[in-house]
């Protein structure tokens, strides 16, 4: 349009220049930048807490001593659903307020605040040994608030402190932290189940220890974040540019006048100005960065996604993909795995917890192929392959369950065959819908709507998560093997949706994404605006200048080599 250079050209030149200066990208580049790697690993304690809370209650629900204190809340299946799913309800609320807190207080202080909320929630849960179910319900809702917010704030913080060329690797790091938390929670449940015995003599420590152990990584994250830097992007967006340069210099281990620091600083500044001008164009009354304007902007911006047909199609892709991710039944397994394994004929609660521990290991390992191959294979093929595998597993489990539900004692091999297919189901989810659904919802949005679109998708994820947690106990009691048929059919529906409605987003530019969704011109207009901003602040000139300096250095080296030869 009018000969303007697309934003992707300038960004590509900047990325190529950074890679020439640093020498590595992806996982290798992340490890090479050891300071950022350590900060990211530390911040991913938030992901670990997320995963730990996803899995810890599943084993506790089957413990005798816990049942003694909870009474009807572990017997009545509807109440049992609330005991589990109230955490997801809190997380949904936390997800909604996360953006406001992070933008108003900073990413750093938002994480610290939510860790404080999390600690309060854990302490309240530990009081259930005296007060009973009310403290578990209230405490899990409060911890849900914190985890829902941290599930957004921590990846955001990691992405903003890391160099652009290694941000993709941080997604993998966060996913490993979540699945690692799930795995650890399952095995802690298995270990503590034997404190005081597994029957009427079981100690309250059997379930209090798994709950209270969360305080250790929580406290480490909260205290440690006090010593972590602010996000450079947040500093620039709030006019603290000198401080942002200093933080970037510290993070990269370079002087403040280094060309790499200048390049990254200008890129961040361009993005910040772009966001402010996009807001000024659409909602001029919300331009000023006050707390109240920031609060209103979250909802006004999300509401705008529903106003055009092309944008609404993106909303459908993001929210329905997240709906089907949860209705594969993955969290039915994570929340109620011991109960499911008991229903499949495992001989004791200890054996059920052992089988649940294997679920954690399988899911952790299954994320590795996704990290390595998702960009090579594409999103749709991986999602369809995973859905096919999960449907197959659900149906096989349903058949085994239906044929043997009254004779598990004499058909133990059938029970273990069903357990093995539960493990295989988790593997199929781990390499496909687990990471790929999040990739899809982050790629389909125009630049100016991306943050709000991802927030909408995350909100849909937590609400669907809440529904699954609520309905699964009643389904297992009333439908029995029909539960697996239900989730199998829902997964099949998800596969049809992906195949027929969701475009392949691998390696597509924003302009090509516009063509797919029928909003041609949006990305081009945004690219024109970004190009003008980059010219205004001197980013394109900086890239050209650095390139010329580099060429001069190469010519000097060539001349020197020639002189040596002669």
Protein backbone atom coordinates (compact mmCIF):
# COMPACT_ATOMS: atom_id res chain seq x y z
CA UNK A 1 0.00 0.00 0.00
CA UNK A 2 1.67 3.13 -1.24
CA UNK A 3 5.05 1.34 -1.29
CA UNK A 4 5.15 1.04 2.51
CA UNK A 5 7.49 -1.57 3.91
CA UNK A 6 5.46 -4.16 5.85
CA UNK A 7 6.12 -4.33 9.54
CA UNK A 8 7.27 -7.94 9.16
CA UNK A 9 10.18 -6.80 6.96
CA UNK A 10 11.57 -4.47 9.61
CA UNK A 11 10.93 -7.02 12.35
CA UNK A 12 12.57 -9.73 10.27
CA UNK A 13 15.62 -7.55 9.70
CA UNK A 14 15.79 -6.79 13.41
CA UNK A 15 15.50 -10.47 14.29
CA UNK A 16 18.19 -11.45 11.77
CA UNK A 17 20.50 -8.75 13.14
CA UNK A 18 19.98 -9.90 16.73
CA UNK A 19 20.70 -13.50 15.78
CA UNK A 20 23.89 -12.40 14.02
CA UNK A 21 24.95 -10.58 17.17
CA UNK A 22 23.96 -13.29 19.67
CA UNK A 23 24.73 -16.35 17.57
CA UNK A 24 21.80 -18.50 18.68
CA UNK A 25 18.03 -18.65 18.95
CA UNK A 26 15.43 -21.06 20.34
CA UNK A 27 16.35 -23.34 23.28
CA UNK A 28 20.08 -22.96 22.59
CA UNK A 29 19.79 -19.18 22.73
CA UNK A 30 17.80 -19.38 25.96
CA UNK A 31 20.46 -21.45 27.71
CA UNK A 32 23.17 -19.18 26.31
CA UNK A 33 21.48 -16.16 27.91
CA UNK A 34 21.91 -17.70 31.35
CA UNK A 35 20.61 -14.70 33.30
CA UNK A 36 17.28 -14.71 31.44
CA UNK A 37 17.13 -18.51 31.63
CA UNK A 38 17.44 -18.41 35.42
CA UNK A 39 14.81 -15.68 35.77
CA UNK A 40 12.44 -17.62 33.49
CA UNK A 41 12.95 -20.88 35.37
CA UNK A 42 12.31 -19.08 38.63
CA UNK A 43 9.18 -17.34 37.38
CA UNK A 44 7.90 -20.69 36.08
CA UNK A 45 7.32 -21.67 39.70
CA UNK A 46 3.97 -20.02 38.95
CA UNK A 47 3.35 -22.67 36.27
CA UNK A 48 4.45 -25.37 38.70
CA UNK A 49 1.88 -24.14 41.25
CA UNK A 50 -0.75 -24.15 38.50
CA UNK A 51 -0.03 -27.79 37.65
CA UNK A 52 0.29 -28.84 41.29
CA UNK A 53 -3.17 -27.47 42.07
CA UNK A 54 -4.60 -29.20 39.01
CA UNK A 55 -3.60 -32.58 40.38
CA UNK A 56 -3.24 -32.51 44.17
CA UNK A 57 -6.91 -32.87 45.15
CA UNK A 58 -7.46 -35.97 43.02
CA UNK A 59 -5.53 -38.18 45.46
CA UNK A 60 -6.70 -36.36 48.58
CA UNK A 61 -10.38 -36.98 47.70
CA UNK A 62 -9.86 -40.74 48.13
CA UNK A 63 -8.03 -40.57 51.47
CA UNK A 64 -9.90 -41.95 54.49
CA UNK A 65 -8.87 -39.21 56.92
CA UNK A 66 -9.91 -36.48 54.48
CA UNK A 67 -13.32 -38.10 54.09
CA UNK A 68 -13.74 -38.13 57.86
CA UNK A 69 -13.47 -34.32 57.96
CA UNK A 70 -15.45 -33.66 54.77
CA UNK A 71 -18.41 -35.96 55.46
CA UNK A 72 -21.04 -35.72 52.69
CA UNK A 73 -18.77 -33.53 50.55
CA UNK A 74 -16.86 -36.60 49.35
CA UNK A 75 -19.89 -38.93 49.28
CA UNK A 76 -22.49 -36.81 47.48
CA UNK A 77 -21.18 -36.58 43.91
CA UNK A 78 -22.57 -33.11 43.23
CA UNK A 79 -20.91 -31.74 46.36
CA UNK A 80 -17.73 -33.55 45.42
CA UNK A 81 -17.84 -31.76 42.07
CA UNK A 82 -18.07 -28.40 43.84
CA UNK A 83 -15.18 -29.30 46.12
CA UNK A 84 -13.03 -29.75 43.04
CA UNK A 85 -14.41 -27.24 40.55
CA UNK A 86 -14.63 -24.22 42.85
CA UNK A 87 -10.88 -23.86 42.26
CA UNK A 88 -11.55 -23.43 38.52
CA UNK A 89 -14.31 -20.93 39.22
CA UNK A 90 -11.83 -18.86 41.24
CA UNK A 91 -9.25 -19.21 38.46
CA UNK A 92 -11.76 -17.91 35.92
CA UNK A 93 -12.28 -14.77 38.05
CA UNK A 94 -8.50 -14.45 38.54
CA UNK A 95 -7.96 -14.66 34.80
CA UNK A 96 -10.40 -11.75 34.32
CA UNK A 97 -8.64 -9.38 36.73
CA UNK A 98 -5.08 -10.43 35.85
CA UNK A 99 -4.61 -7.95 33.00
CA UNK A 100 -5.81 -4.99 35.04
CA UNK A 101 -3.49 -5.77 37.98
CA UNK A 102 -0.49 -6.45 35.73
CA UNK A 103 -0.92 -3.22 33.79
CA UNK A 104 -1.63 -1.08 36.85
CA UNK A 105 0.88 -2.44 39.39
CA UNK A 106 3.42 -3.99 36.94
CA UNK A 107 3.96 -7.64 36.04
CA UNK A 108 6.41 -8.02 38.93
CA UNK A 109 4.11 -6.70 41.66
CA UNK A 110 1.10 -8.51 40.15
CA UNK A 111 2.94 -11.82 40.62
CA UNK A 112 3.91 -10.90 44.20
CA UNK A 113 0.34 -9.85 45.03
CA UNK A 114 -1.13 -13.07 43.65
CA UNK A 115 1.43 -15.17 45.51
CA UNK A 116 0.19 -13.45 48.69
CA UNK A 117 -3.41 -14.34 47.77
CA UNK A 118 -2.30 -17.90 47.06
CA UNK A 119 -0.62 -18.27 50.46
CA UNK A 120 -3.77 -17.03 52.20
CA UNK A 121 -5.79 -19.64 50.30
CA UNK A 122 -3.45 -22.48 51.30
CA UNK A 123 -3.53 -21.41 54.96
CA UNK A 124 -7.34 -21.35 54.89
CA UNK A 125 -7.39 -24.87 53.41
CA UNK A 126 -5.10 -26.17 56.14
CA UNK A 127 -7.64 -24.98 58.74
CA UNK A 128 -10.11 -27.55 57.38
CA UNK A 129 -8.68 -30.03 59.88
CA UNK A 130 -10.63 -28.02 62.48
CA UNK A 131 -13.52 -26.44 60.58
CA UNK A 132 -14.22 -28.99 57.83
CA UNK A 133 -15.47 -28.47 54.29
CA UNK A 134 -16.07 -24.71 54.44
CA UNK A 135 -12.33 -23.99 54.63
CA UNK A 136 -11.54 -26.31 51.72
CA UNK A 137 -14.22 -24.62 49.61
CA UNK A 138 -13.19 -21.07 50.56
CA UNK A 139 -9.47 -21.80 50.43
CA UNK A 140 -9.63 -23.46 47.02
CA UNK A 141 -11.60 -20.53 45.60
CA UNK A 142 -8.97 -18.10 46.90
CA UNK A 143 -6.06 -20.17 45.59
CA UNK A 144 -7.95 -20.38 42.29
CA UNK A 145 -8.04 -16.58 42.10
CA UNK A 146 -4.27 -16.48 42.43
CA UNK A 147 -3.52 -19.37 40.04
CA UNK A 148 -5.86 -17.99 37.38
CA UNK A 149 -4.02 -14.65 37.49
CA UNK A 150 -0.56 -16.26 37.66
CA UNK A 151 -1.38 -18.46 34.65
CA UNK A 152 -1.56 -15.22 32.64
CA UNK A 153 0.95 -12.98 34.45
CA UNK A 154 3.91 -15.40 34.61
CA UNK A 155 4.07 -16.26 30.85
CA UNK A 156 3.58 -12.56 30.12
CA UNK A 157 6.47 -11.59 32.42
CA UNK A 158 8.73 -14.29 30.97
CA UNK A 159 8.01 -13.20 27.40
CA UNK A 160 8.80 -9.57 28.23
CA UNK A 161 12.15 -10.13 29.96
CA UNK A 162 13.45 -12.55 27.33
CA UNK A 163 15.00 -11.61 23.97
CA UNK A 164 12.44 -11.96 21.14
CA UNK A 165 14.35 -14.81 19.46
CA UNK A 166 13.91 -17.17 22.45
CA UNK A 167 10.33 -16.35 23.49
CA UNK A 168 8.97 -19.46 21.78
CA UNK A 169 11.16 -21.62 24.00
CA UNK A 170 9.60 -20.00 27.07
CA UNK A 171 6.20 -21.42 26.07
CA UNK A 172 7.77 -24.86 26.26
CA UNK A 173 9.37 -24.01 29.61
CA UNK A 174 6.00 -22.95 31.04
CA UNK A 175 4.32 -26.11 29.71
CA UNK A 176 7.01 -28.27 31.31
CA UNK A 177 6.50 -26.43 34.60
CA UNK A 178 2.74 -27.11 34.53
CA UNK A 179 3.03 -30.80 33.66
CA UNK A 180 5.88 -31.10 36.17
CA UNK A 181 3.60 -29.69 38.88
CA UNK A 182 0.88 -32.20 37.99
CA UNK A 183 3.35 -35.08 38.10
CA UNK A 184 4.85 -34.04 41.45
CA UNK A 185 1.41 -33.61 43.06
CA UNK A 186 0.36 -37.12 42.04
CA UNK A 187 3.47 -38.71 43.51
CA UNK A 188 3.30 -36.68 46.73
CA UNK A 189 -0.29 -37.91 47.17
CA UNK A 190 0.94 -41.45 46.63
CA UNK A 191 3.70 -41.06 49.22
CA UNK A 192 1.68 -39.33 51.94
CA UNK A 193 -1.28 -41.70 51.60
CA UNK A 194 0.54 -44.15 53.90
CA UNK A 195 1.08 -41.75 56.82
CA UNK A 196 -0.58 -43.48 59.76
CA UNK A 197 -1.91 -46.26 57.54
CA UNK A 198 -4.47 -46.29 54.74
CA UNK A 199 -7.60 -47.09 56.76
CA UNK A 200 -9.27 -45.64 59.84
CA UNK A 201 -5.87 -45.00 61.47
CA UNK A 202 -4.70 -42.74 58.64
CA UNK A 203 -3.23 -39.48 59.95
CA UNK A 204 -4.57 -36.06 58.99
CA UNK A 205 -1.02 -35.35 57.81
CA UNK A 206 -1.74 -37.63 54.84
CA UNK A 207 -3.75 -34.84 53.20
CA UNK A 208 -2.46 -31.79 55.09
CA UNK A 209 1.12 -32.34 53.89
CA UNK A 210 0.25 -32.22 50.15
CA UNK A 211 -1.85 -29.09 50.72
CA UNK A 212 0.72 -27.28 52.87
CA UNK A 213 3.74 -28.23 50.74
CA UNK A 214 2.46 -25.71 48.19
CA UNK A 215 3.65 -22.98 50.54
CA UNK A 216 7.30 -23.80 49.79
CA UNK A 217 7.36 -22.95 46.05
CA UNK A 218 4.81 -20.20 46.69
CA UNK A 219 7.01 -18.47 49.26
CA UNK A 220 10.09 -18.95 47.08
CA UNK A 221 8.31 -17.29 44.15
CA UNK A 222 6.96 -14.40 46.22
CA UNK A 223 10.20 -13.59 48.04
CA UNK A 224 12.36 -14.12 44.98
CA UNK A 225 10.24 -11.82 42.80
CA UNK A 226 11.19 -8.96 45.12
CA UNK A 227 14.70 -9.22 43.66
CA UNK A 228 13.61 -9.72 40.03
CA UNK A 229 13.66 -6.81 37.54
CA UNK A 230 10.59 -5.02 36.24
CA UNK A 231 9.43 -5.88 32.74
CA UNK A 232 11.25 -3.55 30.29
CA UNK A 233 8.10 -3.36 28.20
CA UNK A 234 5.99 -2.23 31.17
CA UNK A 235 8.59 0.39 32.09
CA UNK A 236 8.65 1.83 28.55
CA UNK A 237 4.85 1.77 28.30
CA UNK A 238 4.66 3.84 31.50
CA UNK A 239 7.29 6.39 30.46
CA UNK A 240 10.21 5.04 32.50
CA UNK A 241 12.57 4.70 29.52
CA UNK A 242 15.89 5.30 31.32
CA UNK A 243 15.06 2.57 33.81
CA UNK A 244 14.01 0.25 30.95
CA UNK A 245 17.42 0.70 29.26
CA UNK A 246 19.15 -0.10 32.53
CA UNK A 247 17.07 -3.27 33.02
CA UNK A 248 17.67 -4.39 29.42
CA UNK A 249 21.39 -3.82 29.86
CA UNK A 250 21.41 -5.91 33.04
CA UNK A 251 19.32 -8.70 31.51
CA UNK A 252 21.49 -9.02 28.40
CA UNK A 253 24.82 -8.45 30.17
CA UNK A 254 25.70 -5.60 27.80
CA UNK A 255 26.40 -1.88 28.16
CA UNK A 256 23.47 0.50 27.76
CA UNK A 257 24.92 1.95 24.52
CA UNK A 258 25.44 -1.47 22.91
CA UNK A 259 23.77 -1.78 19.50
CA UNK A 260 21.80 -4.86 20.58
CA UNK A 261 20.32 -2.94 23.54
CA UNK A 262 19.45 -0.01 21.26
CA UNK A 263 17.78 -2.31 18.75
CA UNK A 264 15.64 -4.13 21.32
CA UNK A 265 14.77 -0.91 23.15
CA UNK A 266 13.48 0.68 19.94
CA UNK A 267 11.44 -2.43 19.06
CA UNK A 268 9.73 -2.39 22.45
CA UNK A 269 9.12 1.35 22.22
CA UNK A 270 7.59 0.97 18.75
CA UNK A 271 5.20 -1.71 20.03
CA UNK A 272 4.23 0.47 23.01
CA UNK A 273 3.49 3.49 20.83
CA UNK A 274 1.54 1.28 18.42
CA UNK A 275 -0.71 0.02 21.23
CA UNK A 276 -1.31 3.55 22.55
CA UNK A 277 -2.19 4.92 19.13
CA UNK A 278 -4.47 1.96 18.37
CA UNK A 279 -6.29 2.67 21.63
CA UNK A 280 -6.48 6.38 20.82
CA UNK A 281 -8.02 5.63 17.43
CA UNK A 282 -10.66 3.20 18.74
CA UNK A 283 -11.34 4.53 22.24
CA UNK A 284 -9.95 8.06 22.59
CA UNK A 285 -11.64 8.50 25.99
CA UNK A 286 -9.47 5.68 27.42
CA UNK A 287 -6.05 6.89 26.27
CA UNK A 288 -4.86 8.19 29.64
CA UNK A 289 -3.21 5.39 31.66
CA UNK A 290 -5.30 5.73 34.82
CA UNK A 291 -6.33 2.68 36.85
CA UNK A 292 -10.01 3.21 36.01
CA UNK A 293 -9.33 3.56 32.27
CA UNK A 294 -7.17 0.44 32.32
CA UNK A 295 -9.96 -1.47 34.05
CA UNK A 296 -12.59 -0.35 31.55
CA UNK A 297 -10.32 -0.98 28.57
CA UNK A 298 -10.12 -4.72 29.32
CA UNK A 299 -13.87 -5.14 28.86
CA UNK A 300 -14.38 -2.58 26.09
CA UNK A 301 -11.60 -4.15 24.02
CA UNK A 302 -12.90 -7.71 24.49
CA UNK A 303 -16.42 -6.52 23.62
CA UNK A 304 -15.12 -5.06 20.36
CA UNK A 305 -14.07 -8.54 19.22
CA UNK A 306 -17.75 -9.45 18.76
CA UNK A 307 -18.69 -6.51 16.51
CA UNK A 308 -17.55 -7.67 13.06
CA UNK A 309 -18.13 -10.98 11.31
CA UNK A 310 -14.44 -11.54 10.57
CA UNK A 311 -13.38 -10.84 14.15
CA UNK A 312 -16.24 -12.92 15.54
CA UNK A 313 -14.97 -15.87 13.52
CA UNK A 314 -11.66 -15.54 15.34
CA UNK A 315 -13.59 -15.46 18.62
CA UNK A 316 -15.27 -18.74 17.63
CA UNK A 317 -11.92 -20.34 16.79
CA UNK A 318 -10.34 -19.29 20.10
CA UNK A 319 -13.22 -20.02 22.48
CA UNK A 320 -14.57 -23.19 20.86
CA UNK A 321 -11.07 -24.66 20.54
CA UNK A 322 -10.61 -24.10 24.27
CA UNK A 323 -14.06 -25.55 24.98
CA UNK A 324 -13.22 -28.75 23.13
CA UNK A 325 -9.78 -28.89 24.75
CA UNK A 326 -11.44 -29.26 28.14
CA UNK A 327 -14.21 -31.53 26.87
CA UNK A 328 -11.69 -34.08 25.68
CA UNK A 329 -12.02 -35.10 29.34
CA UNK A 330 -8.40 -34.40 30.25
CA UNK A 331 -9.21 -32.67 33.51
CA UNK A 332 -11.82 -35.27 34.37
CA UNK A 333 -8.82 -37.63 34.44
CA UNK A 334 -6.50 -35.23 36.27
CA UNK A 335 -9.08 -34.32 38.93
CA UNK A 336 -10.59 -37.74 39.50
CA UNK A 337 -7.93 -40.20 38.29
CA UNK A 338 -7.84 -42.32 41.50
CA UNK A 339 -11.65 -42.56 41.49
CA UNK A 340 -11.61 -43.52 37.81
CA UNK A 341 -8.95 -46.18 38.38
CA UNK A 342 -10.91 -47.51 41.35
CA UNK A 343 -13.99 -47.75 39.13
CA UNK A 344 -11.85 -49.67 36.60
CA UNK A 345 -11.13 -52.35 39.20
CA UNK A 346 -7.78 -51.45 40.76
CA UNK A 347 -7.46 -53.39 43.99
CA UNK A 348 -6.83 -50.59 46.51
CA UNK A 349 -6.54 -46.84 46.93
CA UNK A 350 -2.75 -47.19 47.05
CA UNK A 351 -2.78 -48.96 43.68
CA UNK A 352 -5.10 -46.27 42.26
CA UNK A 353 -2.72 -43.54 43.42
CA UNK A 354 0.21 -45.43 41.89
CA UNK A 355 -1.61 -45.62 38.55
CA UNK A 356 -2.37 -41.90 38.88
CA UNK A 357 1.34 -41.19 39.36
CA UNK A 358 2.01 -42.84 36.01
CA UNK A 359 -0.51 -40.42 34.44
CA UNK A 360 1.68 -37.53 35.60
CA UNK A 361 4.85 -39.06 34.15
CA UNK A 362 3.15 -39.89 30.83
CA UNK A 363 1.80 -36.38 30.41
CA UNK A 364 5.16 -34.80 31.30
CA UNK A 365 7.05 -36.89 28.74
CA UNK A 366 4.40 -36.41 26.05
CA UNK A 367 4.97 -32.65 25.94
CA UNK A 368 8.48 -33.15 24.53
CA UNK A 369 7.43 -34.08 20.94
CA UNK A 370 5.11 -31.07 20.83
CA UNK A 371 7.96 -28.73 21.68
CA UNK A 372 10.21 -30.27 19.00
CA UNK A 373 7.82 -30.80 16.10
CA UNK A 374 4.81 -28.48 16.30
CA UNK A 375 6.37 -25.90 13.97
CA UNK A 376 7.37 -28.58 11.46
CA UNK A 377 4.13 -30.56 11.35
CA UNK A 378 1.64 -27.73 11.73
CA UNK A 379 -1.24 -27.25 14.16
CA UNK A 380 -4.15 -29.02 12.46
CA UNK A 381 -2.42 -32.36 11.75
CA UNK A 382 -1.21 -32.59 15.36
CA UNK A 383 -4.64 -31.66 16.78
CA UNK A 384 -6.43 -34.15 14.50
CA UNK A 385 -3.97 -36.94 15.28
CA UNK A 386 -4.33 -36.30 19.02
CA UNK A 387 -8.13 -36.21 18.80
CA UNK A 388 -8.19 -39.48 16.84
CA UNK A 389 -6.03 -41.17 19.46
CA UNK A 390 -8.15 -39.85 22.33
CA UNK A 391 -11.45 -40.94 20.72
CA UNK A 392 -10.01 -44.42 20.21
CA UNK A 393 -8.89 -44.60 23.86
CA UNK A 394 -12.25 -43.37 25.20
CA UNK A 395 -14.19 -45.93 23.19
CA UNK A 396 -11.91 -48.84 24.11
CA UNK A 397 -12.17 -47.91 27.81
CA UNK A 398 -15.97 -47.70 27.49
CA UNK A 399 -16.17 -51.17 25.93
CA UNK A 400 -13.91 -52.73 28.58
CA UNK A 401 -15.85 -50.95 31.34
CA UNK A 402 -19.25 -52.05 29.97
CA UNK A 403 -18.23 -55.71 29.67
CA UNK A 404 -16.49 -56.01 33.04
CA UNK A 405 -18.08 -53.51 35.43
CA UNK A 406 -19.64 -56.30 37.55
CA UNK A 407 -16.70 -58.69 37.41
CA UNK A 408 -13.50 -56.72 37.94
CA UNK A 409 -12.41 -59.07 40.74
CA UNK A 410 -12.15 -61.99 38.35
CA UNK A 411 -10.99 -59.98 35.33
CA UNK A 412 -8.05 -57.98 36.66
CA UNK A 413 -6.27 -58.03 33.31
CA UNK A 414 -9.22 -56.20 31.75
CA UNK A 415 -9.00 -53.56 34.47
CA UNK A 416 -5.32 -52.98 33.84
CA UNK A 417 -5.94 -52.86 30.08
CA UNK A 418 -8.42 -50.01 30.69
CA UNK A 419 -5.87 -48.27 32.92
CA UNK A 420 -3.27 -48.56 30.14
CA UNK A 421 -5.65 -46.86 27.71
CA UNK A 422 -6.14 -44.03 30.20
CA UNK A 423 -2.36 -43.58 30.15
CA UNK A 424 -2.39 -43.67 26.34
CA UNK A 425 -5.20 -41.09 26.33
CA UNK A 426 -3.06 -38.71 28.43
CA UNK A 427 -0.14 -39.17 26.03
CA UNK A 428 -2.34 -38.29 23.05
CA UNK A 429 -3.52 -35.14 24.82
CA UNK A 430 -0.02 -34.19 25.98
CA UNK A 431 1.53 -33.92 22.52
CA UNK A 432 -1.49 -32.36 20.82
CA UNK A 433 -4.37 -30.47 22.42
CA UNK A 434 -2.39 -29.54 25.53
CA UNK A 435 0.09 -27.16 23.84
CA UNK A 436 -1.43 -26.75 20.35
CA UNK A 437 -4.72 -25.24 21.50
CA UNK A 438 -2.81 -22.43 23.23
CA UNK A 439 -0.70 -21.87 20.11
CA UNK A 440 -3.82 -21.58 17.95
CA UNK A 441 -5.48 -18.94 20.14
CA UNK A 442 -2.30 -16.85 20.26
CA UNK A 443 -1.84 -16.80 16.47
CA UNK A 444 -5.25 -15.93 15.03
CA UNK A 445 -5.49 -12.32 16.25
CA UNK A 446 -4.39 -9.04 14.64
CA UNK A 447 -1.58 -7.30 16.51
CA UNK A 448 -3.78 -4.72 18.22
CA UNK A 449 -6.26 -7.33 19.51
CA UNK A 450 -3.91 -10.15 20.47
CA UNK A 451 -3.69 -9.56 24.23
CA UNK A 452 -7.46 -9.30 24.58
CA UNK A 453 -8.11 -12.28 22.30
CA UNK A 454 -5.79 -14.52 24.28
CA UNK A 455 -7.45 -13.37 27.51
CA UNK A 456 -10.85 -14.30 26.05
CA UNK A 457 -9.55 -17.75 25.08
CA UNK A 458 -8.03 -18.30 28.52
CA UNK A 459 -11.33 -17.27 30.11
CA UNK A 460 -13.19 -19.84 27.98
CA UNK A 461 -10.65 -22.46 29.02
CA UNK A 462 -11.14 -21.88 32.75
CA UNK A 463 -14.95 -21.78 32.50
CA UNK A 464 -15.02 -25.05 30.51
CA UNK A 465 -12.59 -26.47 33.06
CA UNK A 466 -15.02 -25.52 35.84
CA UNK A 467 -17.95 -27.23 34.08
CA UNK A 468 -15.98 -30.46 33.53
CA UNK A 469 -14.86 -30.53 37.16
CA UNK A 470 -18.43 -30.01 38.32
CA UNK A 471 -20.19 -32.64 36.18
CA UNK A 472 -17.66 -35.49 36.16
CA UNK A 473 -18.45 -37.07 39.60
CA UNK A 474 -22.18 -37.26 38.83
CA UNK A 475 -21.42 -38.67 35.38
CA UNK A 476 -19.14 -41.37 36.76
CA UNK A 477 -21.86 -42.39 39.25
CA UNK A 478 -24.87 -42.33 36.91
CA UNK A 479 -23.44 -42.95 33.42
CA UNK A 480 -20.47 -45.11 34.41
CA UNK A 481 -18.93 -46.27 31.10
CA UNK A 482 -21.17 -43.75 29.36
CA UNK A 483 -18.87 -41.06 30.75
CA UNK A 484 -16.12 -42.22 28.40
CA UNK A 485 -18.54 -42.41 25.47
CA UNK A 486 -19.63 -38.83 26.21
CA UNK A 487 -16.08 -37.46 26.27
CA UNK A 488 -15.20 -39.58 23.22
CA UNK A 489 -18.07 -38.05 21.24
CA UNK A 490 -17.13 -34.56 22.42
CA UNK A 491 -13.54 -35.16 21.31
CA UNK A 492 -14.82 -36.37 17.93
CA UNK A 493 -16.84 -33.16 17.70
CA UNK A 494 -13.66 -31.22 18.45
CA UNK A 495 -11.86 -33.01 15.61
CA UNK A 496 -14.67 -32.13 13.18
CA UNK A 497 -14.51 -28.49 14.32
CA UNK A 498 -10.74 -28.32 13.79
CA UNK A 499 -10.94 -30.04 10.42
CA UNK A 500 -13.83 -28.00 9.03
CA UNK A 501 -13.51 -24.57 10.64
CA UNK A 502 -10.03 -23.84 11.98
CA UNK A 503 -7.41 -22.77 9.41
CA UNK A 504 -3.81 -23.94 9.50
CA UNK A 505 -1.86 -21.08 11.05
CA UNK A 506 1.68 -22.43 10.70
CA UNK A 507 4.04 -19.76 9.30
CA UNK A 508 1.25 -17.47 8.15
CA UNK A 509 1.81 -13.71 8.15
CA UNK A 510 -0.76 -11.43 9.76
CA UNK A 511 -1.87 -10.35 6.27
CA UNK A 512 -2.45 -13.98 5.23
CA UNK A 513 -4.39 -14.53 8.45
CA UNK A 514 -6.64 -11.60 7.50
CA UNK A 515 -7.39 -13.24 4.15
CA UNK A 516 -8.32 -16.51 5.86
CA UNK A 517 -10.72 -14.83 8.27
CA UNK A 518 -12.21 -12.38 5.78
CA UNK A 519 -10.84 -9.17 7.28
CA UNK A 520 -8.52 -8.15 4.44
CA UNK A 521 -6.74 -4.88 5.08
CA UNK A 522 -6.65 -4.94 8.87
CA UNK A 523 -3.10 -6.28 9.12
CA UNK A 524 -1.99 -4.10 6.19
CA UNK A 525 -3.32 -0.98 7.90
CA UNK A 526 -1.65 -1.98 11.15
CA UNK A 527 1.60 -2.63 9.29
CA UNK A 528 1.44 0.85 7.77
CA UNK A 529 0.90 2.40 11.20
CA UNK A 530 3.76 0.36 12.68
CA UNK A 531 6.08 1.33 9.79
CA UNK A 532 5.35 5.02 10.41
CA UNK A 533 6.14 4.59 14.12
CA UNK A 534 9.38 2.73 13.36
CA UNK A 535 10.48 5.51 11.02
CA UNK A 536 9.49 8.12 13.60
CA UNK A 537 11.63 6.65 16.39
CA UNK A 538 14.50 5.65 14.10
CA UNK A 539 14.24 1.85 14.28
CA UNK A 540 14.64 1.26 10.55
CA UNK A 541 17.57 3.71 10.44
CA UNK A 542 19.19 1.92 13.38
CA UNK A 543 18.98 -1.42 11.55
CA UNK A 544 20.47 0.13 8.38
CA UNK A 545 23.23 1.83 10.38
CA UNK A 546 24.17 -1.34 12.23
CA UNK A 547 24.14 -3.24 8.94
CA UNK A 548 26.47 -0.70 7.30
CA UNK A 549 28.83 -0.82 10.27
CA UNK A 550 28.87 -4.60 10.05
CA UNK A 551 29.62 -4.45 6.30
CA UNK A 552 32.48 -2.04 6.94
CA UNK A 553 33.93 -4.36 9.54
CA UNK A 554 33.73 -7.29 7.09
CA UNK A 555 35.48 -5.22 4.39
CA UNK A 556 38.26 -4.23 6.79
CA UNK A 557 38.80 -7.85 7.76
CA UNK A 558 38.97 -8.85 4.08
CA UNK A 559 41.53 -6.09 3.33
CA UNK A 560 43.65 -7.11 6.32
CA UNK A 561 43.64 -10.75 5.18
CA UNK A 562 44.67 -9.70 1.67
CA UNK A 563 47.57 -7.62 3.02
CA UNK A 564 48.77 -10.55 5.09
CA UNK A 565 48.75 -12.83 2.05
CA UNK A 566 50.80 -10.37 -0.02
